[in-house]
Structure formats: structure tokens, C-alpha cells
Amino acid sequence: MSEPVAKSIAKPLPKPAPESVPYWQAAAQHRLELPQCDSCEKHWHPPSRSCPHCLSDKFRWSQVSGRGKVFSFVIYDRVYHPAFATEVPYVVGLVDLEEGPRILSNIIGIPPEQVRCELKVQVVFDDVTPDVSVPKFKPA
């Protein structure tokens, strides 16, 4: 009797809201872009239709450095979705970008037990499909 073949389960893909479409388009080209206010010049994340700092609705998308520091993190040891079963344990962290915004993403390229607050990180892109890349962070 032959062994059952394990079925590959697709990871869920981002479903961009209209406000975040430019963010995901830039990520697919391996660029980290965030909204930047034309009035106060501040960046923000997650994307929205107006600046959370001054409430202006005048903004542009601009590329940011992708450099930052881990503000906080959690290590997931439990499988919450079967598509991630082979990745446990993994780290989800809040990264303070040099430009100011805080972004939620995975911290990769380091054993989970070595991740710490204030760890300097740099964005990398996980090409999930030919059209979708997810920004993640690795030690700088």
C-alpha cells in the first residue's frame, strides 16, 4: 500500500483595500512605498485616504528606506493555518521604520529566540506568487 501524498495548501494572499493597492503594487516590484503627506511631510502605515497626523487628504506615495528597528514581537509556536505548518515557529513583529511609521510583518533570517527589541532590520520581499510579494524584515 502506498503512502498518502500530502496535499499542498496555498497560503492566503493579501486582499488589498483600495487605499493599499499602491503599497502592494510597489511591493511586487520590491519597493517599500508608503503614503507621505504633502502638508506635514510625514509618512504613515497602514495606508488610508488622509494623513493621520494632520488630516490632510493631499499626499503622494514615496519610497522609504526599509530600514528600522524591532519595537515588539511575538513568536508563534502554534499552527493557526495549515499552509504555515512547516514554518512554525515564526516571528511576527512591529518594526519602527526610520521614516517614522510602524509596520507589522514577519522577522526572518534569524532564529526566533535571537529576535529582540531594538534589533536593526531591513526589508526583504517574499515572492509568494509571480504577482504578489510580501514585505518582511531580516537583521540589517
Protein backbone atom coordinates (compact mmCIF):
# COMPACT_ATOMS: atom_id res chain seq x y z
CA MET A 1 0.00 0.00 0.00
CA SER A 2 1.43 3.38 -0.97
CA GLU A 3 1.83 6.34 1.36
CA PRO A 4 -0.76 9.12 1.03
CA VAL A 5 0.55 12.15 -0.80
CA ALA A 6 0.49 15.33 1.28
CA LYS A 7 -1.71 17.96 -0.30
CA SER A 8 -0.10 21.37 -0.72
CA ILE A 9 -2.20 24.08 0.85
CA ALA A 10 -1.94 27.56 -0.62
CA LYS A 11 -1.12 30.41 1.71
CA PRO A 12 -3.75 33.11 1.92
CA LEU A 13 -2.87 36.11 -0.25
CA PRO A 14 -3.30 39.78 0.64
CA LYS A 15 -6.65 41.27 -0.38
CA PRO A 16 -5.81 44.95 -0.80
CA ALA A 17 -8.33 47.61 0.10
CA PRO A 18 -8.45 50.43 -2.48
CA GLU A 19 -6.23 52.58 -0.22
CA SER A 20 -3.46 49.96 -0.13
CA VAL A 21 -3.29 48.96 -3.81
CA PRO A 22 -0.21 51.18 -4.49
CA TYR A 23 1.54 49.63 -1.46
CA TRP A 24 1.11 46.11 -2.87
CA GLN A 25 1.98 47.18 -6.43
CA ALA A 26 5.28 48.65 -5.18
CA ALA A 27 5.98 45.53 -3.09
CA ALA A 28 5.53 43.36 -6.19
CA GLN A 29 8.41 45.40 -7.67
CA HIS A 30 10.47 45.01 -4.46
CA ARG A 31 9.97 48.59 -3.31
CA LEU A 32 8.58 49.67 0.05
CA GLU A 33 6.37 52.69 -0.59
CA LEU A 34 4.18 54.50 1.91
CA PRO A 35 1.84 57.48 1.72
CA GLN A 36 3.60 60.77 2.50
CA CYS A 37 1.61 63.88 3.36
CA ASP A 38 2.04 66.93 1.12
CA SER A 39 1.22 69.20 4.08
CA CYS A 40 3.23 67.86 7.04
CA GLU A 41 5.61 65.58 5.04
CA LYS A 42 5.08 62.63 7.42
CA HIS A 43 4.69 59.03 6.26
CA TRP A 44 2.12 56.62 7.66
CA HIS A 45 1.07 53.00 7.67
CA PRO A 46 -1.35 51.37 7.13
CA PRO A 47 -2.40 53.37 4.06
CA SER A 48 -5.53 55.48 4.34
CA ARG A 49 -7.20 58.28 2.39
CA SER A 50 -5.92 61.05 4.66
CA CYS A 51 -2.93 61.81 6.83
CA PRO A 52 -3.44 60.61 10.41
CA HIS A 53 -1.06 63.32 11.64
CA CYS A 54 -2.70 66.46 10.21
CA LEU A 55 -5.81 65.06 8.44
CA SER A 56 -4.82 66.44 5.03
CA ASP A 57 -6.14 64.49 2.07
CA LYS A 58 -3.23 65.62 -0.12
CA PHE A 59 -0.48 63.01 -0.28
CA ARG A 60 1.81 61.07 -2.58
CA TRP A 61 3.36 57.62 -2.50
CA SER A 62 7.08 57.68 -1.79
CA GLN A 63 9.71 55.01 -1.44
CA VAL A 64 11.13 54.59 2.06
CA SER A 65 14.47 53.07 3.10
CA GLY A 66 13.03 49.85 4.53
CA ARG A 67 15.39 50.18 7.49
CA GLY A 68 14.17 50.13 11.06
CA LYS A 69 14.22 48.50 14.49
CA VAL A 70 12.06 45.84 16.08
CA PHE A 71 9.70 47.58 18.51
CA SER A 72 7.91 44.44 19.74
CA PHE A 73 7.39 40.86 18.59
CA VAL A 74 5.74 37.54 19.30
CA ILE A 75 6.89 34.03 18.44
CA TYR A 76 4.16 31.78 17.05
CA ASP A 77 4.62 28.14 18.06
CA ARG A 78 1.12 27.03 17.17
CA VAL A 79 -0.25 26.30 13.69
CA TYR A 80 -3.18 28.65 13.09
CA HIS A 81 -3.44 27.94 9.36
CA PRO A 82 -2.34 24.65 7.75
CA ALA A 83 -0.40 26.45 4.98
CA PHE A 84 2.08 27.69 7.62
CA ALA A 85 2.58 24.33 9.36
CA THR A 86 6.15 23.93 8.09
CA GLU A 87 7.14 27.45 9.20
CA VAL A 88 6.40 27.14 12.92
CA PRO A 89 7.94 28.68 14.92
CA TYR A 90 7.85 32.09 13.22
CA VAL A 91 8.11 35.67 14.38
CA VAL A 92 5.61 38.47 13.83
CA GLY A 93 6.98 41.85 14.80
CA LEU A 94 6.25 45.54 14.89
CA VAL A 95 9.04 47.41 13.12
CA ASP A 96 9.64 51.12 13.66
CA LEU A 97 10.81 52.38 10.27
CA GLU A 98 13.46 55.12 10.12
CA GLU A 99 10.88 57.37 8.47
CA GLY A 100 8.53 57.07 11.47
CA PRO A 101 5.71 54.63 10.73
CA ARG A 102 5.38 51.31 12.49
CA ILE A 103 4.72 48.26 10.28
CA LEU A 104 3.58 44.75 11.21
CA SER A 105 5.39 41.93 9.45
CA ASN A 106 7.45 38.76 9.85
CA ILE A 107 11.01 38.87 11.14
CA ILE A 108 13.01 36.29 9.18
CA GLY A 109 16.60 35.20 8.64
CA ILE A 110 17.32 34.73 12.34
CA PRO A 111 16.38 32.02 14.85
CA PRO A 112 13.22 33.17 16.67
CA GLU A 113 14.92 33.00 20.07
CA GLN A 114 17.51 35.56 18.88
CA VAL A 115 14.99 38.24 17.92
CA ARG A 116 14.97 41.10 20.41
CA CYS A 117 13.56 44.61 20.71
CA GLU A 118 15.79 47.28 19.13
CA LEU A 119 17.21 44.72 16.64
CA LYS A 120 18.10 46.63 13.47
CA VAL A 121 16.29 45.22 10.46
CA GLN A 122 15.98 45.75 6.70
CA VAL A 123 13.05 44.98 4.41
CA VAL A 124 13.20 41.99 2.08
CA PHE A 125 10.46 40.71 -0.20
CA ASP A 126 8.91 37.25 -0.18
CA ASP A 127 7.71 36.47 -3.72
CA VAL A 128 4.61 34.45 -2.84
CA THR A 129 3.36 34.34 -6.46
CA PRO A 130 4.65 35.94 -9.67
CA ASP A 131 2.37 38.93 -8.92
CA VAL A 132 2.44 39.14 -5.11
CA SER A 133 5.40 39.96 -2.90
CA VAL A 134 5.10 40.38 0.85
CA PRO A 135 7.45 42.76 2.69
CA LYS A 136 9.25 41.03 5.56
CA PHE A 137 12.25 42.05 7.65
CA LYS A 138 15.63 40.47 8.29
CA PRO A 139 18.52 41.59 10.52
CA ALA A 140 20.42 44.52 8.99
